[in-house]
Amino acid sequence: EQGHPLDVEHVERTIDMVKADERPSEVLGTTILRAPNGRIIRAKSA
């Protein structure tokens, strides 16, 4: 819903985070910065 597409890597990381009692939607779905080349930088772990 946040516009963050899933792939196998993201699903595996989401599984690991939920097992560790973390909230992937608060970490993976939040934009940290937008690089000058237009690339969106997001954290991939807590």
All heavy atoms as atom14 arrays in JSON, in Angstrom:
{
  "sequence": "EQGHPLDVEHVERTIDMVKADERPSEVLGTTILRAPNGRIIRAKSA",
  "atom14_mask": [
    [1, 1, 1, 1, 1, 1, 1, 1, 1, 0, 0, 0, 0, 0],
    [1, 1, 1, 1, 1, 1, 1, 1, 1, 0, 0, 0, 0, 0],
    [1, 1, 1, 1, 0, 0, 0, 0, 0, 0, 0, 0, 0, 0],
    [1, 1, 1, 1, 1, 1, 1, 1, 1, 1, 0, 0, 0, 0],
    [1, 1, 1, 1, 1, 1, 1, 0, 0, 0, 0, 0, 0, 0],
    [1, 1, 1, 1, 1, 1, 1, 1, 0, 0, 0, 0, 0, 0],
    [1, 1, 1, 1, 1, 1, 1, 1, 0, 0, 0, 0, 0, 0],
    [1, 1, 1, 1, 1, 1, 1, 0, 0, 0, 0, 0, 0, 0],
    [1, 1, 1, 1, 1, 1, 1, 1, 1, 0, 0, 0, 0, 0],
    [1, 1, 1, 1, 1, 1, 1, 1, 1, 1, 0, 0, 0, 0],
    [1, 1, 1, 1, 1, 1, 1, 0, 0, 0, 0, 0, 0, 0],
    [1, 1, 1, 1, 1, 1, 1, 1, 1, 0, 0, 0, 0, 0],
    [1, 1, 1, 1, 1, 1, 1, 1, 1, 1, 1, 0, 0, 0],
    [1, 1, 1, 1, 1, 1, 1, 0, 0, 0, 0, 0, 0, 0],
    [1, 1, 1, 1, 1, 1, 1, 1, 0, 0, 0, 0, 0, 0],
    [1, 1, 1, 1, 1, 1, 1, 1, 0, 0, 0, 0, 0, 0],
    [1, 1, 1, 1, 1, 1, 1, 1, 0, 0, 0, 0, 0, 0],
    [1, 1, 1, 1, 1, 1, 1, 0, 0, 0, 0, 0, 0, 0],
    [1, 1, 1, 1, 1, 1, 1, 1, 1, 0, 0, 0, 0, 0],
    [1, 1, 1, 1, 1, 0, 0, 0, 0, 0, 0, 0, 0, 0],
    [1, 1, 1, 1, 1, 1, 1, 1, 0, 0, 0, 0, 0, 0],
    [1, 1, 1, 1, 1, 1, 1, 1, 1, 0, 0, 0, 0, 0],
    [1, 1, 1, 1, 1, 1, 1, 1, 1, 1, 1, 0, 0, 0],
    [1, 1, 1, 1, 1, 1, 1, 0, 0, 0, 0, 0, 0, 0],
    [1, 1, 1, 1, 1, 1, 0, 0, 0, 0, 0, 0, 0, 0],
    [1, 1, 1, 1, 1, 1, 1, 1, 1, 0, 0, 0, 0, 0],
    [1, 1, 1, 1, 1, 1, 1, 0, 0, 0, 0, 0, 0, 0],
    [1, 1, 1, 1, 1, 1, 1, 1, 0, 0, 0, 0, 0, 0],
    [1, 1, 1, 1, 0, 0, 0, 0, 0, 0, 0, 0, 0, 0],
    [1, 1, 1, 1, 1, 1, 1, 0, 0, 0, 0, 0, 0, 0],
    [1, 1, 1, 1, 1, 1, 1, 0, 0, 0, 0, 0, 0, 0],
    [1, 1, 1, 1, 1, 1, 1, 1, 0, 0, 0, 0, 0, 0],
    [1, 1, 1, 1, 1, 1, 1, 1, 0, 0, 0, 0, 0, 0],
    [1, 1, 1, 1, 1, 1, 1, 1, 1, 1, 1, 0, 0, 0],
    [1, 1, 1, 1, 1, 0, 0, 0, 0, 0, 0, 0, 0, 0],
    [1, 1, 1, 1, 1, 1, 1, 0, 0, 0, 0, 0, 0, 0],
    [1, 1, 1, 1, 1, 1, 1, 1, 0, 0, 0, 0, 0, 0],
    [1, 1, 1, 1, 0, 0, 0, 0, 0, 0, 0, 0, 0, 0],
    [1, 1, 1, 1, 1, 1, 1, 1, 1, 1, 1, 0, 0, 0],
    [1, 1, 1, 1, 1, 1, 1, 1, 0, 0, 0, 0, 0, 0],
    [1, 1, 1, 1, 1, 1, 1, 1, 0, 0, 0, 0, 0, 0],
    [1, 1, 1, 1, 1, 1, 1, 1, 1, 1, 1, 0, 0, 0],
    [1, 1, 1, 1, 1, 0, 0, 0, 0, 0, 0, 0, 0, 0],
    [1, 1, 1, 1, 1, 1, 1, 1, 1, 0, 0, 0, 0, 0],
    [1, 1, 1, 1, 1, 1, 0, 0, 0, 0, 0, 0, 0, 0],
    [1, 1, 1, 1, 1, 0, 0, 0, 0, 0, 0, 0, 0, 0]
  ],
  "atom14_positions": [
    [[0.82, -1.21, 0.0], [0.0, 0.0, 0.0], [0.86, 1.26, 0.0], [0.44, 2.31, -0.5], [-0.93, 0.0, 1.22], [-2.05, -1.01, 1.13], [-3.0, -0.91, 2.31], [-2.55, -1.08, 3.46], [-4.2, -0.66, 2.06], [0.0, 0.0, 0.0], [0.0, 0.0, 0.0], [0.0, 0.0, 0.0], [0.0, 0.0, 0.0], [0.0, 0.0, 0.0]],
    [[2.06, 1.17, 0.58], [2.98, 2.3, 0.58], [3.72, 2.46, -0.74], [4.52, 3.37, -0.91], [4.02, 2.13, 1.71], [3.43, 2.2, 3.1], [4.41, 1.75, 4.17], [5.56, 1.38, 3.87], [3.98, 1.75, 5.41], [0.0, 0.0, 0.0], [0.0, 0.0, 0.0], [0.0, 0.0, 0.0], [0.0, 0.0, 0.0], [0.0, 0.0, 0.0]],
    [[3.43, 1.57, -1.7], [4.09, 1.65, -3.0], [5.44, 0.96, -3.01], [6.27, 1.24, -3.89], [0.0, 0.0, 0.0], [0.0, 0.0, 0.0], [0.0, 0.0, 0.0], [0.0, 0.0, 0.0], [0.0, 0.0, 0.0], [0.0, 0.0, 0.0], [0.0, 0.0, 0.0], [0.0, 0.0, 0.0], [0.0, 0.0, 0.0], [0.0, 0.0, 0.0]],
    [[5.69, 0.07, -2.06], [6.98, -0.61, -1.94], [6.82, -2.02, -2.53], [6.29, -2.91, -1.88], [7.39, -0.69, -0.47], [8.79, -1.17, -0.26], [9.89, -0.39, -0.55], [9.28, -2.34, 0.21], [10.99, -1.05, -0.25], [10.65, -2.24, 0.2], [0.0, 0.0, 0.0], [0.0, 0.0, 0.0], [0.0, 0.0, 0.0], [0.0, 0.0, 0.0]],
    [[7.24, -2.25, -3.78], [7.04, -3.57, -4.4], [7.84, -4.65, -3.69], [8.92, -4.41, -3.15], [7.53, -3.36, -5.84], [8.49, -2.22, -5.75], [7.98, -1.33, -4.66], [0.0, 0.0, 0.0], [0.0, 0.0, 0.0], [0.0, 0.0, 0.0], [0.0, 0.0, 0.0], [0.0, 0.0, 0.0], [0.0, 0.0, 0.0], [0.0, 0.0, 0.0]],
    [[7.31, -5.84, -3.7], [7.96, -6.98, -3.05], [8.66, -7.85, -4.08], [8.22, -7.99, -5.21], [6.93, -7.83, -2.3], [6.17, -7.16, -1.16], [5.13, -8.11, -0.57], [7.12, -6.69, -0.06], [0.0, 0.0, 0.0], [0.0, 0.0, 0.0], [0.0, 0.0, 0.0], [0.0, 0.0, 0.0], [0.0, 0.0, 0.0], [0.0, 0.0, 0.0]],
    [[9.8, -8.4, -3.67], [10.45, -9.47, -4.42], [10.9, -10.5, -3.39], [10.64, -10.36, -2.19], [11.6, -8.95, -5.28], [12.65, -8.18, -4.47], [12.77, -8.42, -3.25], [13.36, -7.34, -5.06], [0.0, 0.0, 0.0], [0.0, 0.0, 0.0], [0.0, 0.0, 0.0], [0.0, 0.0, 0.0], [0.0, 0.0, 0.0], [0.0, 0.0, 0.0]],
    [[11.58, -11.54, -3.86], [11.97, -12.62, -2.94], [12.85, -12.08, -1.82], [12.67, -12.42, -0.64], [12.7, -13.75, -3.71], [13.31, -14.76, -2.73], [11.73, -14.46, -4.65], [0.0, 0.0, 0.0], [0.0, 0.0, 0.0], [0.0, 0.0, 0.0], [0.0, 0.0, 0.0], [0.0, 0.0, 0.0], [0.0, 0.0, 0.0], [0.0, 0.0, 0.0]],
    [[13.8, -11.21, -2.17], [14.69, -10.66, -1.14], [13.92, -9.89, -0.09], [14.16, -10.04, 1.12], [15.73, -9.73, -1.79], [16.66, -9.07, -0.78], [17.54, -8.0, -1.41], [17.57, -7.9, -2.65], [18.18, -7.25, -0.65], [0.0, 0.0, 0.0], [0.0, 0.0, 0.0], [0.0, 0.0, 0.0], [0.0, 0.0, 0.0], [0.0, 0.0, 0.0]],
    [[12.95, -9.04, -0.52], [12.18, -8.25, 0.43], [11.29, -9.14, 1.29], [11.1, -8.87, 2.48], [11.34, -7.21, -0.3], [12.15, -6.1, -0.89], [12.13, -5.8, -2.23], [13.0, -5.22, -0.33], [12.93, -4.78, -2.47], [13.48, -4.42, -1.33], [0.0, 0.0, 0.0], [0.0, 0.0, 0.0], [0.0, 0.0, 0.0], [0.0, 0.0, 0.0]],
    [[10.72, -10.18, 0.7], [9.88, -11.09, 1.48], [10.72, -11.81, 2.54], [10.32, -11.92, 3.7], [9.16, -12.1, 0.56], [8.41, -13.15, 1.4], [8.18, -11.38, -0.36], [0.0, 0.0, 0.0], [0.0, 0.0, 0.0], [0.0, 0.0, 0.0], [0.0, 0.0, 0.0], [0.0, 0.0, 0.0], [0.0, 0.0, 0.0], [0.0, 0.0, 0.0]],
    [[11.9, -12.29, 2.15], [12.77, -12.96, 3.12], [13.17, -12.01, 4.24], [13.18, -12.38, 5.43], [14.03, -13.48, 2.41], [13.76, -14.65, 1.48], [15.0, -15.07, 0.71], [15.95, -14.24, 0.6], [15.04, -16.22, 0.22], [0.0, 0.0, 0.0], [0.0, 0.0, 0.0], [0.0, 0.0, 0.0], [0.0, 0.0, 0.0], [0.0, 0.0, 0.0]],
    [[13.48, -10.75, 3.88], [13.87, -9.78, 4.9], [12.68, -9.45, 5.81], [12.83, -9.27, 7.01], [14.4, -8.51, 4.22], [15.08, -7.55, 5.18], [15.88, -6.51, 4.42], [16.94, -7.11, 3.64], [18.09, -7.52, 4.15], [18.32, -7.4, 5.43], [19.01, -8.05, 3.38], [0.0, 0.0, 0.0], [0.0, 0.0, 0.0], [0.0, 0.0, 0.0]],
    [[11.49, -9.35, 5.23], [10.3, -9.09, 6.02], [10.04, -10.22, 7.0], [9.69, -9.99, 8.16], [9.09, -8.88, 5.09], [9.35, -7.79, 4.2], [7.84, -8.56, 5.89], [0.0, 0.0, 0.0], [0.0, 0.0, 0.0], [0.0, 0.0, 0.0], [0.0, 0.0, 0.0], [0.0, 0.0, 0.0], [0.0, 0.0, 0.0], [0.0, 0.0, 0.0]],
    [[10.22, -11.45, 6.55], [10.06, -12.61, 7.43], [11.03, -12.53, 8.6], [10.65, -12.71, 9.77], [10.25, -13.92, 6.64], [9.09, -14.14, 5.68], [10.39, -15.11, 7.59], [9.31, -15.27, 4.69], [0.0, 0.0, 0.0], [0.0, 0.0, 0.0], [0.0, 0.0, 0.0], [0.0, 0.0, 0.0], [0.0, 0.0, 0.0], [0.0, 0.0, 0.0]],
    [[12.29, -12.24, 8.31], [13.3, -12.14, 9.38], [12.94, -11.06, 10.38], [13.1, -11.24, 11.6], [14.68, -11.86, 8.78], [15.26, -13.04, 8.02], [14.77, -14.17, 8.23], [16.21, -12.84, 7.23], [0.0, 0.0, 0.0], [0.0, 0.0, 0.0], [0.0, 0.0, 0.0], [0.0, 0.0, 0.0], [0.0, 0.0, 0.0], [0.0, 0.0, 0.0]],
    [[12.45, -9.92, 9.9], [12.12, -8.82, 10.79], [10.92, -9.15, 11.66], [10.9, -8.84, 12.86], [11.88, -7.55, 9.98], [13.13, -7.03, 9.28], [12.84, -5.55, 8.29], [12.58, -4.35, 9.58], [0.0, 0.0, 0.0], [0.0, 0.0, 0.0], [0.0, 0.0, 0.0], [0.0, 0.0, 0.0], [0.0, 0.0, 0.0], [0.0, 0.0, 0.0]],
    [[9.9, -9.77, 11.1], [8.72, -10.13, 11.89], [9.1, -11.17, 12.95], [8.63, -11.1, 14.1], [7.6, -10.65, 10.98], [6.47, -11.29, 11.79], [7.03, -9.51, 10.14], [0.0, 0.0, 0.0], [0.0, 0.0, 0.0], [0.0, 0.0, 0.0], [0.0, 0.0, 0.0], [0.0, 0.0, 0.0], [0.0, 0.0, 0.0], [0.0, 0.0, 0.0]],
    [[9.96, -12.11, 12.59], [10.42, -13.1, 13.57], [11.15, -12.41, 14.73], [11.14, -12.9, 15.86], [11.34, -14.11, 12.9], [10.63, -15.14, 12.04], [11.64, -16.13, 11.46], [10.94, -17.23, 10.68], [11.9, -18.21, 10.09], [0.0, 0.0, 0.0], [0.0, 0.0, 0.0], [0.0, 0.0, 0.0], [0.0, 0.0, 0.0], [0.0, 0.0, 0.0]],
    [[11.82, -11.29, 14.42], [12.55, -10.54, 15.45], [11.67, -9.5, 16.13], [12.17, -8.65, 16.87], [13.77, -9.86, 14.83], [0.0, 0.0, 0.0], [0.0, 0.0, 0.0], [0.0, 0.0, 0.0], [0.0, 0.0, 0.0], [0.0, 0.0, 0.0], [0.0, 0.0, 0.0], [0.0, 0.0, 0.0], [0.0, 0.0, 0.0], [0.0, 0.0, 0.0]],
    [[10.35, -9.57, 15.91], [9.38, -8.66, 16.53], [9.61, -7.22, 16.11], [9.49, -6.3, 16.91], [9.41, -8.79, 18.06], [8.13, -8.25, 18.7], [7.08, -8.25, 18.03], [8.19, -7.81, 19.87], [0.0, 0.0, 0.0], [0.0, 0.0, 0.0], [0.0, 0.0, 0.0], [0.0, 0.0, 0.0], [0.0, 0.0, 0.0], [0.0, 0.0, 0.0]],
    [[9.98, -7.02, 14.83], [10.17, -5.69, 14.27], [9.04, -5.41, 13.28], [8.35, -6.32, 12.82], [11.53, -5.57, 13.59], [12.7, -5.75, 14.54], [14.04, -5.87, 13.84], [14.05, -6.05, 12.6], [15.07, -5.81, 14.53], [0.0, 0.0, 0.0], [0.0, 0.0, 0.0], [0.0, 0.0, 0.0], [0.0, 0.0, 0.0], [0.0, 0.0, 0.0]],
    [[8.86, -4.14, 12.94], [7.78, -3.72, 12.04], [8.36, -3.34, 10.68], [8.81, -2.21, 10.49], [7.03, -2.53, 12.63], [6.28, -2.82, 13.93], [5.09, -3.72, 13.7], [4.16, -3.17, 12.74], [3.19, -2.31, 13.07], [3.04, -1.91, 14.31], [2.36, -1.87, 12.14], [0.0, 0.0, 0.0], [0.0, 0.0, 0.0], [0.0, 0.0, 0.0]],
    [[8.36, -4.25, 9.72], [8.93, -3.95, 8.4], [8.3, -2.73, 7.74], [9.0, -1.97, 7.07], [8.65, -5.23, 7.6], [8.5, -6.29, 8.62], [7.89, -5.64, 9.82], [0.0, 0.0, 0.0], [0.0, 0.0, 0.0], [0.0, 0.0, 0.0], [0.0, 0.0, 0.0], [0.0, 0.0, 0.0], [0.0, 0.0, 0.0], [0.0, 0.0, 0.0]],
    [[7.01, -2.52, 7.92], [6.36, -1.38, 7.25], [6.88, -0.04, 7.76], [6.81, 0.96, 7.06], [4.84, -1.46, 7.45], [4.5, -1.42, 8.83], [0.0, 0.0, 0.0], [0.0, 0.0, 0.0], [0.0, 0.0, 0.0], [0.0, 0.0, 0.0], [0.0, 0.0, 0.0], [0.0, 0.0, 0.0], [0.0, 0.0, 0.0], [0.0, 0.0, 0.0]],
    [[7.39, -0.01, 9.0], [7.94, 1.22, 9.55], [9.39, 1.43, 9.14], [9.9, 2.55, 9.22], [7.85, 1.21, 11.08], [6.41, 1.21, 11.6], [6.37, 1.18, 13.12], [7.45, 1.11, 13.74], [5.25, 1.22, 13.68], [0.0, 0.0, 0.0], [0.0, 0.0, 0.0], [0.0, 0.0, 0.0], [0.0, 0.0, 0.0], [0.0, 0.0, 0.0]],
    [[10.07, 0.35, 8.73], [11.49, 0.43, 8.37], [11.66, 0.43, 6.86], [12.2, 1.38, 6.27], [12.28, -0.74, 8.98], [13.73, -0.69, 8.51], [12.21, -0.69, 10.5], [0.0, 0.0, 0.0], [0.0, 0.0, 0.0], [0.0, 0.0, 0.0], [0.0, 0.0, 0.0], [0.0, 0.0, 0.0], [0.0, 0.0, 0.0], [0.0, 0.0, 0.0]],
    [[11.17, -0.61, 6.2], [11.39, -0.77, 4.76], [10.56, 0.2, 3.94], [10.96, 0.55, 2.82], [11.06, -2.2, 4.34], [11.79, -3.33, 5.09], [11.35, -4.68, 4.56], [13.29, -3.17, 4.97], [0.0, 0.0, 0.0], [0.0, 0.0, 0.0], [0.0, 0.0, 0.0], [0.0, 0.0, 0.0], [0.0, 0.0, 0.0], [0.0, 0.0, 0.0]],
    [[9.43, 0.63, 4.46], [8.54, 1.47, 3.67], [8.77, 2.96, 3.81], [8.06, 3.75, 3.21], [0.0, 0.0, 0.0], [0.0, 0.0, 0.0], [0.0, 0.0, 0.0], [0.0, 0.0, 0.0], [0.0, 0.0, 0.0], [0.0, 0.0, 0.0], [0.0, 0.0, 0.0], [0.0, 0.0, 0.0], [0.0, 0.0, 0.0], [0.0, 0.0, 0.0]],
    [[9.75, 3.36, 4.6], [10.0, 4.77, 4.84], [11.2, 5.25, 4.03], [12.28, 4.68, 4.12], [10.27, 5.02, 6.35], [9.15, 4.54, 7.1], [10.49, 6.5, 6.61], [0.0, 0.0, 0.0], [0.0, 0.0, 0.0], [0.0, 0.0, 0.0], [0.0, 0.0, 0.0], [0.0, 0.0, 0.0], [0.0, 0.0, 0.0], [0.0, 0.0, 0.0]],
    [[11.01, 6.29, 3.25], [12.09, 6.86, 2.45], [13.05, 7.62, 3.35], [12.64, 8.49, 4.12], [11.55, 7.8, 1.37], [10.69, 7.05, 0.5], [12.68, 8.42, 0.55], [0.0, 0.0, 0.0], [0.0, 0.0, 0.0], [0.0, 0.0, 0.0], [0.0, 0.0, 0.0], [0.0, 0.0, 0.0], [0.0, 0.0, 0.0], [0.0, 0.0, 0.0]],
    [[14.35, 7.27, 3.27], [15.37, 7.97, 4.03], [15.8, 9.23, 3.29], [15.87, 10.31, 3.85], [16.58, 7.06, 4.29], [16.17, 5.88, 5.17], [17.74, 7.83, 4.91], [17.26, 4.85, 5.34], [0.0, 0.0, 0.0], [0.0, 0.0, 0.0], [0.0, 0.0, 0.0], [0.0, 0.0, 0.0], [0.0, 0.0, 0.0], [0.0, 0.0, 0.0]],
    [[16.07, 9.08, 2.02], [16.45, 10.22, 1.2], [16.24, 9.88, -0.26], [16.14, 8.73, -0.64], [17.89, 10.64, 1.47], [18.99, 9.61, 1.18], [19.56, 9.82, -0.22], [20.11, 9.71, 2.2], [0.0, 0.0, 0.0], [0.0, 0.0, 0.0], [0.0, 0.0, 0.0], [0.0, 0.0, 0.0], [0.0, 0.0, 0.0], [0.0, 0.0, 0.0]],
    [[16.17, 10.91, -1.07], [16.07, 10.74, -2.52], [17.36, 11.27, -3.13], [17.67, 12.45, -3.03], [14.86, 11.5, -3.08], [14.55, 11.2, -4.54], [13.34, 11.99, -4.99], [12.15, 11.62, -4.25], [11.33, 10.63, -4.61], [11.58, 9.92, -5.69], [10.25, 10.36, -3.89], [0.0, 0.0, 0.0], [0.0, 0.0, 0.0], [0.0, 0.0, 0.0]],
    [[18.14, 10.38, -3.73], [19.44, 10.75, -4.27], [19.27, 11.7, -5.44], [18.22, 11.74, -6.1], [20.2, 9.5, -4.72], [0.0, 0.0, 0.0], [0.0, 0.0, 0.0], [0.0, 0.0, 0.0], [0.0, 0.0, 0.0], [0.0, 0.0, 0.0], [0.0, 0.0, 0.0], [0.0, 0.0, 0.0], [0.0, 0.0, 0.0], [0.0, 0.0, 0.0]],
    [[20.3, 12.51, -5.72], [20.22, 13.46, -6.84], [19.92, 12.79, -8.17], [19.37, 13.43, -9.07], [21.61, 14.1, -6.84], [22.07, 13.98, -5.42], [21.53, 12.67, -4.94], [0.0, 0.0, 0.0], [0.0, 0.0, 0.0], [0.0, 0.0, 0.0], [0.0, 0.0, 0.0], [0.0, 0.0, 0.0], [0.0, 0.0, 0.0], [0.0, 0.0, 0.0]],
    [[20.29, 11.51, -8.33], [19.99, 10.82, -9.59], [18.57, 10.25, -9.62], [18.21, 9.53, -10.54], [21.02, 9.7, -9.83], [20.99, 8.62, -8.75], [20.14, 8.63, -7.85], [21.91, 7.68, -8.85], [0.0, 0.0, 0.0], [0.0, 0.0, 0.0], [0.0, 0.0, 0.0], [0.0, 0.0, 0.0], [0.0, 0.0, 0.0], [0.0, 0.0, 0.0]],
    [[17.76, 10.59, -8.61], [16.37, 10.15, -8.57], [16.16, 8.85, -7.83], [15.02, 8.45, -7.59], [0.0, 0.0, 0.0], [0.0, 0.0, 0.0], [0.0, 0.0, 0.0], [0.0, 0.0, 0.0], [0.0, 0.0, 0.0], [0.0, 0.0, 0.0], [0.0, 0.0, 0.0], [0.0, 0.0, 0.0], [0.0, 0.0, 0.0], [0.0, 0.0, 0.0]],
    [[17.24, 8.18, -7.47], [17.13, 6.91, -6.77], [16.59, 7.13, -5.36], [17.05, 8.01, -4.63], [18.49, 6.23, -6.72], [18.49, 4.86, -6.07], [19.86, 4.24, -6.18], [19.91, 2.92, -5.59], [20.99, 2.15, -5.58], [22.11, 2.58, -6.12], [20.96, 0.95, -5.03], [0.0, 0.0, 0.0], [0.0, 0.0, 0.0], [0.0, 0.0, 0.0]],
    [[15.6, 6.34, -4.96], [15.03, 6.44, -3.63], [15.79, 5.5, -2.7], [15.92, 4.31, -2.97], [13.53, 6.09, -3.64], [12.77, 7.09, -4.5], [12.97, 6.07, -2.22], [11.31, 6.76, -4.66], [0.0, 0.0, 0.0], [0.0, 0.0, 0.0], [0.0, 0.0, 0.0], [0.0, 0.0, 0.0], [0.0, 0.0, 0.0], [0.0, 0.0, 0.0]],
    [[16.3, 6.06, -1.61], [17.1, 5.28, -0.67], [16.24, 4.95, 0.54], [15.69, 5.87, 1.18], [18.35, 6.07, -0.22], [19.1, 6.63, -1.43], [19.25, 5.19, 0.64], [19.56, 5.6, -2.42], [0.0, 0.0, 0.0], [0.0, 0.0, 0.0], [0.0, 0.0, 0.0], [0.0, 0.0, 0.0], [0.0, 0.0, 0.0], [0.0, 0.0, 0.0]],
    [[16.11, 3.69, 0.83], [15.35, 3.24, 2.0], [16.24, 2.34, 2.85], [17.1, 1.62, 2.33], [14.11, 2.45, 1.58], [13.03, 3.26, 0.85], [11.81, 2.39, 0.6], [10.69, 3.14, 0.05], [10.38, 3.19, -1.23], [11.13, 2.55, -2.1], [9.35, 3.89, -1.63], [0.0, 0.0, 0.0], [0.0, 0.0, 0.0], [0.0, 0.0, 0.0]],
    [[16.01, 2.38, 4.15], [16.67, 1.41, 5.03], [16.14, 0.02, 4.7], [14.97, -0.15, 4.35], [16.39, 1.74, 6.49], [0.0, 0.0, 0.0], [0.0, 0.0, 0.0], [0.0, 0.0, 0.0], [0.0, 0.0, 0.0], [0.0, 0.0, 0.0], [0.0, 0.0, 0.0], [0.0, 0.0, 0.0], [0.0, 0.0, 0.0], [0.0, 0.0, 0.0]],
    [[17.01, -0.97, 4.81], [16.61, -2.34, 4.55], [16.6, -3.19, 5.81], [16.39, -4.4, 5.74], [17.52, -2.96, 3.49], [17.39, -2.31, 2.12], [18.19, -3.04, 1.07], [17.99, -2.41, -0.31], [18.75, -3.12, -1.36], [0.0, 0.0, 0.0], [0.0, 0.0, 0.0], [0.0, 0.0, 0.0], [0.0, 0.0, 0.0], [0.0, 0.0, 0.0]],
    [[16.82, -2.56, 6.95], [16.76, -3.27, 8.22], [16.56, -2.25, 9.33], [16.8, -1.05, 9.14], [18.04, -4.07, 8.47], [19.13, -3.2, 8.76], [0.0, 0.0, 0.0], [0.0, 0.0, 0.0], [0.0, 0.0, 0.0], [0.0, 0.0, 0.0], [0.0, 0.0, 0.0], [0.0, 0.0, 0.0], [0.0, 0.0, 0.0], [0.0, 0.0, 0.0]],
    [[16.15, -2.72, 10.5], [15.98, -1.83, 11.63], [17.32, -1.23, 12.05], [17.4, -0.07, 12.46], [15.34, -2.58, 12.8], [0.0, 0.0, 0.0], [0.0, 0.0, 0.0], [0.0, 0.0, 0.0], [0.0, 0.0, 0.0], [0.0, 0.0, 0.0], [0.0, 0.0, 0.0], [0.0, 0.0, 0.0], [0.0, 0.0, 0.0], [0.0, 0.0, 0.0]]
  ]
}
